[in-house]
Amino acid sequence: MTEQTAAPNTPAATETDVTVVGAGPTGLLLAGDLAAAGVRVTVIERRPPTRSNLTRAFGVHARTLELLDARGLADELVAKGTPITGLRLFRRLSLDLSRLASRFPYLLIAPQYEVERLLERRARDAGADFRYGTRLRGLSQDGGSVTAELHDEDGRDTVLRSRYLVGTDGMRSSVRKSLGLPFPGVSAIRSILLADVRLSEEPENLLTVNGTGRAFAFIAPFGDGWYRVMGWRRDDSRPDDGPVDLEDVREVARQALGTDYGMRDPRWLSRFHSDERQVPEYRRGRVFLAGDAAHVHSPAGGQGMNTGLQDAANLSWKLVAVLRHDAPDPDGLLDTYQAERHPVGAQVVRSSGAIVRLAMAHTPLERLGRALATSLLNVVRPAADKAMGMISGIGISYGAPRGAHRLTGRRAPDLALREGRLYELLRRGEFVLVAPDVADTACAPAAPGPVARAHYSGSTRTALLVRPDGYIAWAQD
């Protein structure tokens, strides 16, 4: 990253409050939040505006659905998806997602392009400016702004200056490379097959997963007659651009699942490899990284898109507080993005890696370890609940200051209030102070933004200050 020196032929700069580089789910949610709060936001995307109906991500977890609910989008997405309340893994382990303490106690099978469609519509309606077919060539920053050098599909070079810039541009992030930040980690699995197919035989379970040591495979329905298949074979290590045909997919399913369910009529066949990487810094000055630009991991558990959306929800309200509400100690508030989300990214890398290594268990000792782990989760319900909470995002909490109330930093459930559901109130993008009638909330800390007041519909006696991202900032009995 270098300081920019003006030259006579430098293109004239345009200005915005926040530049978002990348129009995937993470960037779209962030842009929608900012625009809805009155922040000028410009989204830069190298792809054309048309969206493919082929996608790698297709599972939306409970916590992500809660965040979409807080934006008025969840019910529309649920109507288009297929809820799955039970998971059966490795023919031994059964997880009952209906036990999740959420309005959405399931995994929703919904393709990424449907999530993107809803988030882009919201961002456009709120006034976000989109520039498709535009690439980031480089960036520089000083004490008050970030300058992005852009090149569009018509061959024009432009300059965009903003108060902050957020890179949500994926694993090969141009923003991360412009900052010179490393992306340490390993390539965990080579040559994973992806396919969208039709089946002649319907699987017994909605979500079908198994690993034999020689292969693992995963099958999930889109709900429209198409099925997503993901698989890996130990004896197939061809590169990402290696050939793939339907027989490859059938063979991996037969080895892992015992049958290929009559796979036919593929509309998409692909290979990819799975990396486990995380950038050490989510913030460098006025530039932030989120989603796959900050962390990538195994597809096991379906946590990639979900973790990125939760990154965006954490960062957006903090940028709004600084840009719209003159938050005191703005740098301190923005630094909490790294403090809160970097540990979550590290945990997702570990947990998704553990799942895929269980699926790849090959030696007798490894398979014994998998049998013991799955038996423990089947028998010890608190352990299974904790595992489901972390994968679904319901169990994720943020650190709290020493001496804080036990609820500080935890996710707020969708409380029943006299004024409506909590997550309906969060649609305003404001803090919500929830109190019983008898509570003295004068000692509640000042919030870096507007606060809506609400009251319990029952006899609960704990006052809560809930952040716009649905986490508890303060509590008092």
Protein backbone atom coordinates (compact mmCIF):
# COMPACT_ATOMS: atom_id res chain seq x y z
CA MET A 1 0.00 0.00 0.00
CA THR A 2 1.48 3.37 -1.00
CA GLU A 3 0.52 6.98 -0.57
CA GLN A 4 -0.96 8.40 -3.74
CA THR A 5 0.70 11.37 -5.48
CA ALA A 6 -1.44 13.48 -7.76
CA ALA A 7 -0.36 13.60 -11.37
CA PRO A 8 -1.63 15.78 -14.22
CA ASN A 9 -3.39 12.85 -15.89
CA THR A 10 -4.91 11.45 -12.69
CA PRO A 11 -8.66 10.83 -13.21
CA ALA A 12 -10.98 13.10 -11.26
CA ALA A 13 -12.05 11.50 -7.98
CA THR A 14 -15.62 10.92 -6.90
CA GLU A 15 -16.52 10.57 -3.25
CA THR A 16 -18.65 8.34 -1.05
CA ASP A 17 -18.73 7.43 2.63
CA VAL A 18 -17.91 3.72 2.34
CA THR A 19 -16.59 1.71 -0.60
CA VAL A 20 -17.52 -1.98 -0.54
CA VAL A 21 -15.43 -4.14 -2.87
CA GLY A 22 -17.31 -7.32 -3.74
CA ALA A 23 -21.04 -7.89 -4.28
CA GLY A 24 -21.38 -11.35 -2.77
CA PRO A 25 -23.64 -11.97 0.24
CA THR A 26 -21.25 -10.33 2.73
CA GLY A 27 -20.85 -7.13 0.72
CA LEU A 28 -24.55 -6.92 -0.10
CA LEU A 29 -25.69 -7.19 3.52
CA LEU A 30 -23.12 -4.60 4.59
CA ALA A 31 -24.10 -2.21 1.79
CA GLY A 32 -27.80 -2.58 2.62
CA ASP A 33 -27.24 -1.83 6.30
CA LEU A 34 -25.16 1.24 5.55
CA ALA A 35 -27.51 2.62 2.91
CA ALA A 36 -30.57 2.02 5.12
CA ALA A 37 -28.91 4.15 7.81
CA GLY A 38 -28.31 7.03 5.39
CA VAL A 39 -24.63 6.31 4.74
CA ARG A 40 -23.46 6.85 1.15
CA VAL A 41 -22.12 3.51 -0.03
CA THR A 42 -20.68 2.42 -3.38
CA VAL A 43 -20.34 -1.27 -4.25
CA ILE A 44 -17.58 -2.30 -6.66
CA GLU A 45 -17.94 -5.69 -8.39
CA ARG A 46 -15.77 -7.10 -11.17
CA ARG A 47 -18.53 -9.44 -12.46
CA PRO A 48 -21.36 -8.29 -14.74
CA PRO A 49 -24.75 -7.57 -13.09
CA THR A 50 -26.36 -10.84 -14.22
CA ARG A 51 -26.30 -13.58 -11.59
CA SER A 52 -25.85 -17.28 -12.27
CA ASN A 53 -28.29 -19.82 -10.84
CA LEU A 54 -25.30 -22.06 -10.02
CA THR A 55 -23.72 -21.66 -6.61
CA ARG A 56 -21.49 -23.40 -4.09
CA ALA A 57 -23.20 -22.16 -0.92
CA PHE A 58 -26.70 -23.44 -0.25
CA GLY A 59 -27.24 -23.77 3.52
CA VAL A 60 -28.52 -20.93 5.71
CA HIS A 61 -28.13 -21.51 9.44
CA ALA A 62 -30.40 -20.35 12.25
CA ARG A 63 -28.31 -17.36 13.36
CA THR A 64 -28.09 -16.06 9.81
CA LEU A 65 -31.86 -16.39 9.46
CA GLU A 66 -32.22 -14.32 12.64
CA LEU A 67 -30.02 -11.61 11.12
CA LEU A 68 -32.12 -11.69 7.95
CA ASP A 69 -35.24 -11.51 10.14
CA ALA A 70 -33.83 -8.31 11.67
CA ARG A 71 -33.80 -6.95 8.11
CA GLY A 72 -37.29 -8.16 7.16
CA LEU A 73 -36.00 -10.78 4.71
CA ALA A 74 -36.08 -14.13 6.50
CA ASP A 75 -39.70 -15.13 5.91
CA GLU A 76 -39.38 -14.58 2.15
CA LEU A 77 -36.24 -16.71 1.99
CA VAL A 78 -37.75 -19.47 4.13
CA ALA A 79 -40.74 -19.64 1.75
CA LYS A 80 -38.33 -20.44 -1.10
CA GLY A 81 -36.15 -22.92 0.78
CA THR A 82 -36.33 -26.39 2.31
CA PRO A 83 -36.00 -26.57 6.13
CA ILE A 84 -34.09 -29.55 7.54
CA THR A 85 -34.58 -30.24 11.24
CA GLY A 86 -32.42 -33.34 11.59
CA LEU A 87 -28.92 -34.22 10.46
CA ARG A 88 -27.56 -37.75 10.27
CA LEU A 89 -23.78 -37.94 9.86
CA PHE A 90 -21.56 -40.96 9.31
CA ARG A 91 -24.60 -43.27 9.75
CA ARG A 92 -24.17 -42.96 13.53
CA LEU A 93 -24.58 -39.37 14.64
CA SER A 94 -28.04 -37.79 14.74
CA LEU A 95 -28.43 -34.09 15.50
CA ASP A 96 -31.87 -32.69 16.25
CA LEU A 97 -31.87 -29.08 15.05
CA SER A 98 -35.42 -28.60 16.32
CA ARG A 99 -33.81 -28.21 19.77
CA LEU A 100 -32.20 -24.91 18.74
CA ALA A 101 -33.61 -22.05 20.83
CA SER A 102 -34.49 -19.93 17.82
CA ARG A 103 -37.47 -18.90 15.72
CA PHE A 104 -35.65 -20.86 12.99
CA PRO A 105 -34.77 -24.27 14.51
CA TYR A 106 -33.47 -25.82 11.33
CA LEU A 107 -30.95 -25.62 8.50
CA LEU A 108 -32.55 -23.95 5.49
CA ILE A 109 -31.48 -25.33 2.13
CA ALA A 110 -31.57 -22.20 -0.04
CA PRO A 111 -29.06 -21.39 -2.78
CA GLN A 112 -26.71 -18.45 -2.40
CA TYR A 113 -28.19 -16.66 -5.41
CA GLU A 114 -31.56 -16.38 -3.60
CA VAL A 115 -29.82 -14.82 -0.58
CA GLU A 116 -27.98 -12.42 -2.89
CA ARG A 117 -31.18 -11.49 -4.72
CA LEU A 118 -32.90 -10.42 -1.50
CA LEU A 119 -29.88 -8.56 -0.15
CA GLU A 120 -29.21 -6.72 -3.42
CA ARG A 121 -32.85 -5.66 -3.71
CA ARG A 122 -32.72 -4.26 -0.17
CA ALA A 123 -29.45 -2.42 -0.81
CA ARG A 124 -30.71 -0.90 -4.07
CA ASP A 125 -34.01 0.15 -2.50
CA ALA A 126 -32.05 1.88 0.27
CA GLY A 127 -29.96 3.81 -2.25
CA ALA A 128 -26.66 1.91 -2.55
CA ASP A 129 -24.71 2.70 -5.73
CA PHE A 130 -23.55 -0.37 -7.69
CA ARG A 131 -20.70 -0.39 -10.21
CA TYR A 132 -20.56 -3.78 -11.92
CA GLY A 133 -17.83 -4.75 -14.37
CA THR A 134 -15.32 -2.72 -12.33
CA ARG A 135 -12.04 -3.93 -10.86
CA LEU A 136 -9.92 -2.60 -8.02
CA ARG A 137 -6.41 -1.86 -9.28
CA GLY A 138 -4.96 -0.51 -6.08
CA LEU A 139 -5.67 1.58 -3.01
CA SER A 140 -4.01 4.05 -0.71
CA GLN A 141 -5.07 5.74 2.51
CA ASP A 142 -4.22 8.67 4.71
CA GLY A 143 -5.52 9.90 8.04
CA GLY A 144 -8.93 10.87 6.68
CA SER A 145 -9.79 8.80 3.60
CA VAL A 146 -9.15 5.80 1.38
CA THR A 147 -8.53 6.19 -2.35
CA ALA A 148 -9.45 3.28 -4.63
CA GLU A 149 -8.07 3.10 -8.17
CA LEU A 150 -10.65 1.44 -10.44
CA HIS A 151 -10.79 0.09 -13.99
CA ASP A 152 -14.12 -0.63 -15.66
CA GLU A 153 -15.19 -2.91 -18.51
CA ASP A 154 -15.20 0.01 -20.95
CA GLY A 155 -11.49 0.56 -20.32
CA ARG A 156 -11.91 3.68 -18.21
CA ASP A 157 -9.77 4.39 -15.15
CA THR A 158 -11.48 6.17 -12.27
CA VAL A 159 -10.69 7.09 -8.69
CA LEU A 160 -13.11 6.71 -5.79
CA ARG A 161 -12.38 8.35 -2.44
CA SER A 162 -14.23 7.30 0.72
CA ARG A 163 -14.01 7.55 4.50
CA TYR A 164 -13.69 3.75 4.82
CA LEU A 165 -13.31 0.77 2.50
CA VAL A 166 -14.36 -2.84 3.12
CA GLY A 167 -13.00 -5.78 1.14
CA THR A 168 -15.62 -8.49 0.73
CA ASP A 169 -14.08 -9.74 -2.51
CA GLY A 170 -13.44 -13.37 -1.71
CA MET A 171 -10.53 -15.71 -1.24
CA ARG A 172 -8.38 -14.00 -3.90
CA SER A 173 -9.17 -10.57 -2.46
CA SER A 174 -7.63 -7.65 -4.33
CA VAL A 175 -8.13 -5.53 -1.22
CA ARG A 176 -6.13 -7.92 0.97
CA LYS A 177 -3.36 -8.07 -1.64
CA SER A 178 -3.29 -4.27 -1.93
CA LEU A 179 -2.80 -4.06 1.83
CA GLY A 180 0.08 -6.54 1.63
CA LEU A 181 -1.50 -8.74 4.27
CA PRO A 182 -0.55 -12.43 4.44
CA PHE A 183 -3.16 -15.19 4.23
CA PRO A 184 -1.52 -18.03 6.17
CA GLY A 185 -2.88 -21.56 6.21
CA VAL A 186 -2.91 -24.79 4.26
CA SER A 187 -4.70 -26.49 1.39
CA ALA A 188 -6.64 -29.09 3.36
CA ILE A 189 -8.39 -31.15 0.64
CA ARG A 190 -7.66 -31.46 -3.06
CA SER A 191 -10.14 -32.19 -5.81
CA ILE A 192 -13.59 -31.91 -4.24
CA LEU A 193 -16.36 -32.60 -6.76
CA LEU A 194 -19.47 -30.45 -6.99
CA ALA A 195 -22.52 -31.26 -9.05
CA ASP A 196 -26.17 -30.32 -9.42
CA VAL A 197 -28.10 -33.37 -10.61
CA ARG A 198 -31.49 -35.04 -10.65
CA LEU A 199 -31.99 -38.36 -8.84
CA SER A 200 -34.07 -41.35 -9.89
CA GLU A 201 -34.27 -42.54 -6.26
CA GLU A 202 -35.05 -40.20 -3.38
CA PRO A 203 -32.62 -40.48 -0.43
CA GLU A 204 -34.00 -41.72 2.87
CA ASN A 205 -32.86 -38.55 4.67
CA LEU A 206 -33.24 -35.01 3.37
CA LEU A 207 -29.56 -34.41 4.11
CA THR A 208 -27.37 -37.42 3.28
CA VAL A 209 -23.75 -37.44 4.52
CA ASN A 210 -21.19 -40.18 5.03
CA GLY A 211 -17.47 -40.85 4.90
CA THR A 212 -15.70 -44.20 4.61
CA GLY A 213 -12.05 -43.26 4.70
CA ARG A 214 -11.80 -43.91 0.96
CA ALA A 215 -14.42 -41.27 0.11
CA PHE A 216 -17.02 -38.93 1.54
CA ALA A 217 -20.16 -37.53 -0.04
CA PHE A 218 -22.96 -35.10 0.76
CA ILE A 219 -26.36 -34.81 -0.95
CA ALA A 220 -28.94 -32.10 -0.24
CA PRO A 221 -32.15 -31.11 -2.07
CA PHE A 222 -32.78 -27.66 -3.48
CA GLY A 223 -36.50 -28.38 -3.22
CA ASP A 224 -37.19 -28.01 -6.95
CA GLY A 225 -36.16 -31.49 -8.10
CA TRP A 226 -32.44 -30.67 -8.23
CA TYR A 227 -29.90 -31.99 -5.72
CA ARG A 228 -26.50 -30.66 -4.75
CA VAL A 229 -23.81 -33.34 -4.50
CA MET A 230 -20.38 -32.76 -3.00
CA GLY A 231 -17.80 -35.54 -2.82
CA TRP A 232 -14.15 -36.51 -2.50
CA ARG A 233 -12.21 -39.70 -3.27
CA ARG A 234 -8.83 -40.52 -1.79
CA ASP A 235 -7.61 -41.94 -5.12
CA ASP A 236 -8.61 -38.86 -7.17
CA SER A 237 -6.33 -35.85 -6.77
CA ARG A 238 -6.75 -34.13 -10.11
CA PRO A 239 -6.38 -30.31 -10.09
CA ASP A 240 -9.27 -27.85 -10.06
CA ASP A 241 -9.22 -27.56 -13.86
CA GLY A 242 -9.07 -31.33 -14.34
CA PRO A 243 -11.86 -33.06 -16.25
CA VAL A 244 -15.00 -34.13 -14.39
CA ASP A 245 -18.01 -36.04 -15.65
CA LEU A 246 -21.14 -37.54 -14.14
CA GLU A 247 -19.51 -40.95 -13.71
CA ASP A 248 -16.92 -39.39 -11.38
CA VAL A 249 -19.73 -38.08 -9.20
CA ARG A 250 -21.58 -41.39 -9.27
CA GLU A 251 -18.46 -43.28 -8.26
CA VAL A 252 -17.72 -41.07 -5.26
CA ALA A 253 -21.34 -41.44 -4.11
CA ARG A 254 -21.21 -45.22 -4.45
CA GLN A 255 -17.99 -45.43 -2.44
CA ALA A 256 -19.21 -43.12 0.34
CA LEU A 257 -22.97 -43.84 0.44
CA GLY A 258 -23.30 -47.28 -1.11
CA THR A 259 -25.49 -45.98 -3.96
CA ASP A 260 -25.59 -43.15 -6.47
CA TYR A 261 -29.42 -42.82 -6.25
CA GLY A 262 -29.66 -42.91 -10.05
CA MET A 263 -27.90 -39.57 -10.65
CA ARG A 264 -28.70 -38.06 -14.04
CA ASP A 265 -29.11 -34.86 -16.08
CA PRO A 266 -26.27 -32.81 -14.54
CA ARG A 267 -26.62 -29.05 -15.01
CA TRP A 268 -23.28 -28.23 -13.35
CA LEU A 269 -20.07 -30.19 -12.74
CA SER A 270 -16.99 -28.70 -11.11
CA ARG A 271 -13.88 -29.35 -9.04
CA PHE A 272 -12.34 -27.20 -6.33
CA HIS A 273 -9.87 -27.51 -3.48
CA SER A 274 -10.47 -26.54 0.11
CA ASP A 275 -8.10 -24.19 1.95
CA GLU A 276 -7.96 -23.34 5.64
CA ARG A 277 -6.67 -19.78 5.93
CA GLN A 278 -7.23 -16.65 8.01
CA VAL A 279 -5.78 -13.18 7.68
CA PRO A 280 -4.15 -11.96 10.94
CA GLU A 281 -5.68 -8.47 10.75
CA TYR A 282 -9.30 -7.76 9.85
CA ARG A 283 -8.55 -4.03 9.97
CA ARG A 284 -5.68 -1.98 8.61
CA GLY A 285 -6.32 1.72 9.21
CA ARG A 286 -9.48 2.69 7.34
CA VAL A 287 -9.70 -0.60 5.44
CA PHE A 288 -11.51 -3.73 6.68
CA LEU A 289 -11.79 -7.32 5.45
CA ALA A 290 -14.85 -9.54 5.83
CA GLY A 291 -16.12 -12.89 4.59
CA ASP A 292 -13.85 -15.04 2.42
CA ALA A 293 -11.42 -12.14 2.04
CA ALA A 294 -10.66 -12.64 5.76
CA HIS A 295 -11.11 -16.39 6.27
CA VAL A 296 -11.67 -19.54 4.22
CA HIS A 297 -12.19 -23.07 5.46
CA SER A 298 -13.59 -26.49 4.68
CA PRO A 299 -17.17 -26.56 3.33
CA ALA A 300 -18.08 -29.05 6.08
CA GLY A 301 -20.82 -27.60 8.25
CA GLY A 302 -21.88 -25.09 5.58
CA GLN A 303 -20.52 -22.16 7.58
CA GLY A 304 -18.77 -20.07 4.90
CA MET A 305 -21.52 -17.75 3.65
CA ASN A 306 -23.05 -17.65 7.12
CA THR A 307 -19.85 -16.50 8.81
CA GLY A 308 -19.37 -13.77 6.23
CA LEU A 309 -22.91 -12.45 6.71
CA GLN A 310 -22.32 -12.36 10.46
CA ASP A 311 -19.06 -10.44 9.87
CA ALA A 312 -21.03 -7.85 7.92
CA ALA A 313 -23.73 -7.52 10.59
CA ASN A 314 -21.05 -6.93 13.23
CA LEU A 315 -19.21 -4.27 11.24
CA SER A 316 -22.10 -2.37 9.69
CA TRP A 317 -23.61 -0.87 12.84
CA LYS A 318 -20.16 0.22 14.05
CA LEU A 319 -19.49 2.10 10.81
CA VAL A 320 -22.96 3.67 11.07
CA ALA A 321 -22.25 4.74 14.65
CA VAL A 322 -19.03 6.45 13.57
CA LEU A 323 -20.30 8.02 10.34
CA ARG A 324 -23.84 8.98 11.36
CA HIS A 325 -23.88 9.30 15.13
CA ASP A 326 -20.41 10.66 16.01
CA ALA A 327 -19.63 7.74 18.32
CA PRO A 328 -17.09 8.63 21.00
CA ASP A 329 -13.73 6.87 20.53
CA PRO A 330 -14.48 5.81 16.96
CA ASP A 331 -11.21 3.92 16.56
CA GLY A 332 -11.86 1.99 19.76
CA LEU A 333 -15.32 1.00 18.55
CA LEU A 334 -14.05 -0.06 15.10
CA ASP A 335 -11.25 -2.07 16.69
CA THR A 336 -13.87 -4.27 18.36
CA TYR A 337 -14.63 -5.74 14.92
CA GLN A 338 -11.24 -7.48 14.98
CA ALA A 339 -11.57 -8.38 18.66
CA GLU A 340 -14.99 -9.98 18.20
CA ARG A 341 -14.90 -11.53 14.75
CA HIS A 342 -11.32 -12.81 14.43
CA PRO A 343 -11.80 -15.43 17.19
CA VAL A 344 -15.05 -16.54 15.52
CA GLY A 345 -13.28 -16.98 12.19
CA ALA A 346 -10.56 -19.03 13.88
CA GLN A 347 -13.16 -21.22 15.57
CA VAL A 348 -14.96 -21.86 12.27
CA VAL A 349 -11.67 -22.85 10.60
CA ARG A 350 -11.03 -25.35 13.43
CA SER A 351 -14.54 -26.81 13.66
CA SER A 352 -15.09 -27.21 9.91
CA GLY A 353 -11.66 -28.78 9.63
CA ALA A 354 -12.49 -31.22 12.42
CA ILE A 355 -15.70 -32.30 10.65
CA VAL A 356 -13.97 -32.98 7.36
CA ARG A 357 -11.15 -34.87 9.07
CA LEU A 358 -13.73 -37.08 10.74
CA ALA A 359 -15.21 -37.74 7.31
CA MET A 360 -11.75 -38.58 5.94
CA ALA A 361 -10.86 -40.94 8.82
CA HIS A 362 -8.86 -43.73 7.17
CA THR A 363 -6.68 -45.68 9.59
CA PRO A 364 -8.22 -47.98 12.25
CA LEU A 365 -7.17 -45.52 14.97
CA GLU A 366 -8.75 -42.57 13.17
CA ARG A 367 -11.98 -44.48 12.61
CA LEU A 368 -12.06 -45.50 16.27
CA GLY A 369 -11.69 -41.84 17.22
CA ARG A 370 -14.60 -40.93 14.95
CA ALA A 371 -16.77 -43.67 16.45
CA LEU A 372 -16.00 -42.44 19.97
CA ALA A 373 -16.67 -38.79 19.07
CA THR A 374 -20.00 -39.52 17.37
CA SER A 375 -21.08 -41.83 20.21
CA LEU A 376 -20.30 -39.09 22.75
CA LEU A 377 -22.42 -36.56 20.87
CA ASN A 378 -25.28 -39.06 20.58
CA VAL A 379 -25.27 -39.83 24.31
CA VAL A 380 -24.26 -36.53 25.96
CA ARG A 381 -27.00 -34.06 25.01
CA PRO A 382 -25.22 -30.90 26.30
CA ALA A 383 -22.24 -31.72 24.08
CA ALA A 384 -24.52 -32.16 21.05
CA ASP A 385 -26.36 -28.92 21.88
CA LYS A 386 -23.06 -27.04 22.12
CA ALA A 387 -21.92 -28.44 18.77
CA MET A 388 -25.21 -27.44 17.12
CA GLY A 389 -25.02 -24.01 18.72
CA MET A 390 -21.59 -23.31 17.30
CA ILE A 391 -22.34 -24.62 13.79
CA SER A 392 -25.69 -22.80 13.61
CA GLY A 393 -24.21 -19.61 15.09
CA ILE A 394 -26.75 -19.57 17.93
CA GLY A 395 -24.03 -20.39 20.46
CA ILE A 396 -21.54 -17.72 19.38
CA SER A 397 -20.84 -15.05 22.02
CA TYR A 398 -18.43 -12.13 22.25
CA GLY A 399 -16.08 -11.33 25.10
CA ALA A 400 -17.31 -9.04 27.87
CA PRO A 401 -15.41 -6.68 30.20
CA ARG A 402 -14.40 -7.99 33.60
CA GLY A 403 -17.26 -7.66 36.07
CA ALA A 404 -19.93 -7.40 33.36
CA HIS A 405 -23.30 -9.12 33.74
CA ARG A 406 -23.29 -12.79 32.70
CA LEU A 407 -25.47 -12.00 29.65
CA THR A 408 -23.18 -9.32 28.22
CA GLY A 409 -21.78 -10.37 24.86
CA ARG A 410 -24.33 -13.13 24.32
CA ARG A 411 -26.79 -13.37 21.46
CA ALA A 412 -30.21 -11.98 22.37
CA PRO A 413 -33.08 -14.39 21.71
CA ASP A 414 -36.17 -13.15 19.89
CA LEU A 415 -37.90 -11.85 23.01
CA ALA A 416 -41.66 -11.39 23.16
CA LEU A 417 -42.25 -7.70 23.97
CA ARG A 418 -45.31 -5.55 24.38
CA GLU A 419 -44.14 -3.60 21.35
CA GLY A 420 -43.66 -6.75 19.20
CA ARG A 421 -40.86 -9.26 18.69
CA LEU A 422 -37.33 -8.04 19.46
CA TYR A 423 -36.05 -8.84 15.98
CA GLU A 424 -38.90 -6.87 14.43
CA LEU A 425 -37.77 -3.85 16.47
CA LEU A 426 -34.17 -4.40 15.35
CA ARG A 427 -35.31 -3.73 11.78
CA ARG A 428 -34.94 -0.03 12.59
CA GLY A 429 -31.16 -0.50 12.85
CA GLU A 430 -31.20 0.91 16.38
CA PHE A 431 -30.21 -0.28 19.83
CA VAL A 432 -33.14 -1.63 21.85
CA LEU A 433 -33.37 -1.07 25.61
CA VAL A 434 -35.64 -3.79 27.02
CA ALA A 435 -36.85 -3.35 30.57
CA PRO A 436 -39.50 -4.56 32.98
CA ASP A 437 -41.84 -1.86 34.23
CA VAL A 438 -40.14 -1.79 37.63
CA ALA A 439 -36.62 -1.43 36.23
CA ASP A 440 -34.50 1.65 36.77
CA THR A 441 -32.59 1.94 33.50
CA ALA A 442 -31.00 5.28 34.31
CA CYS A 443 -27.68 3.50 34.81
CA ALA A 444 -27.78 1.92 31.34
CA PRO A 445 -24.67 3.05 29.43
CA ALA A 446 -24.99 5.58 26.65
CA ALA A 447 -25.29 3.84 23.30
CA PRO A 448 -23.38 5.04 20.21
CA GLY A 449 -26.62 5.58 18.32
CA PRO A 450 -30.40 5.89 18.70
CA VAL A 451 -32.10 3.71 21.30
CA ALA A 452 -35.63 2.31 21.03
CA ARG A 453 -37.31 1.47 24.35
CA ALA A 454 -39.36 -1.68 24.83
CA HIS A 455 -40.88 -3.71 27.64
CA TYR A 456 -41.24 -7.40 28.37
CA SER A 457 -44.65 -8.88 27.82
CA GLY A 458 -44.13 -11.18 30.84
CA SER A 459 -42.55 -11.01 34.28
CA THR A 460 -38.86 -11.06 33.31
CA ARG A 461 -36.89 -8.73 35.56
CA THR A 462 -33.59 -8.31 33.68
CA ALA A 463 -32.99 -5.07 31.78
CA LEU A 464 -31.08 -5.45 28.51
CA LEU A 465 -29.46 -3.10 26.03
CA VAL A 466 -29.38 -4.99 22.71
CA ARG A 467 -27.05 -3.93 19.91
CA PRO A 468 -28.32 -3.55 16.34
CA ASP A 469 -26.68 -6.90 15.48
CA GLY A 470 -28.71 -8.71 18.14
CA TYR A 471 -26.02 -9.08 20.83
CA ILE A 472 -26.40 -7.87 24.41
CA ALA A 473 -24.28 -4.79 25.14
CA TRP A 474 -25.36 -4.38 28.79
CA ALA A 475 -27.63 -6.12 31.29
CA GLN A 476 -28.82 -5.58 34.83
CA ASP A 477 -31.00 -7.68 37.11
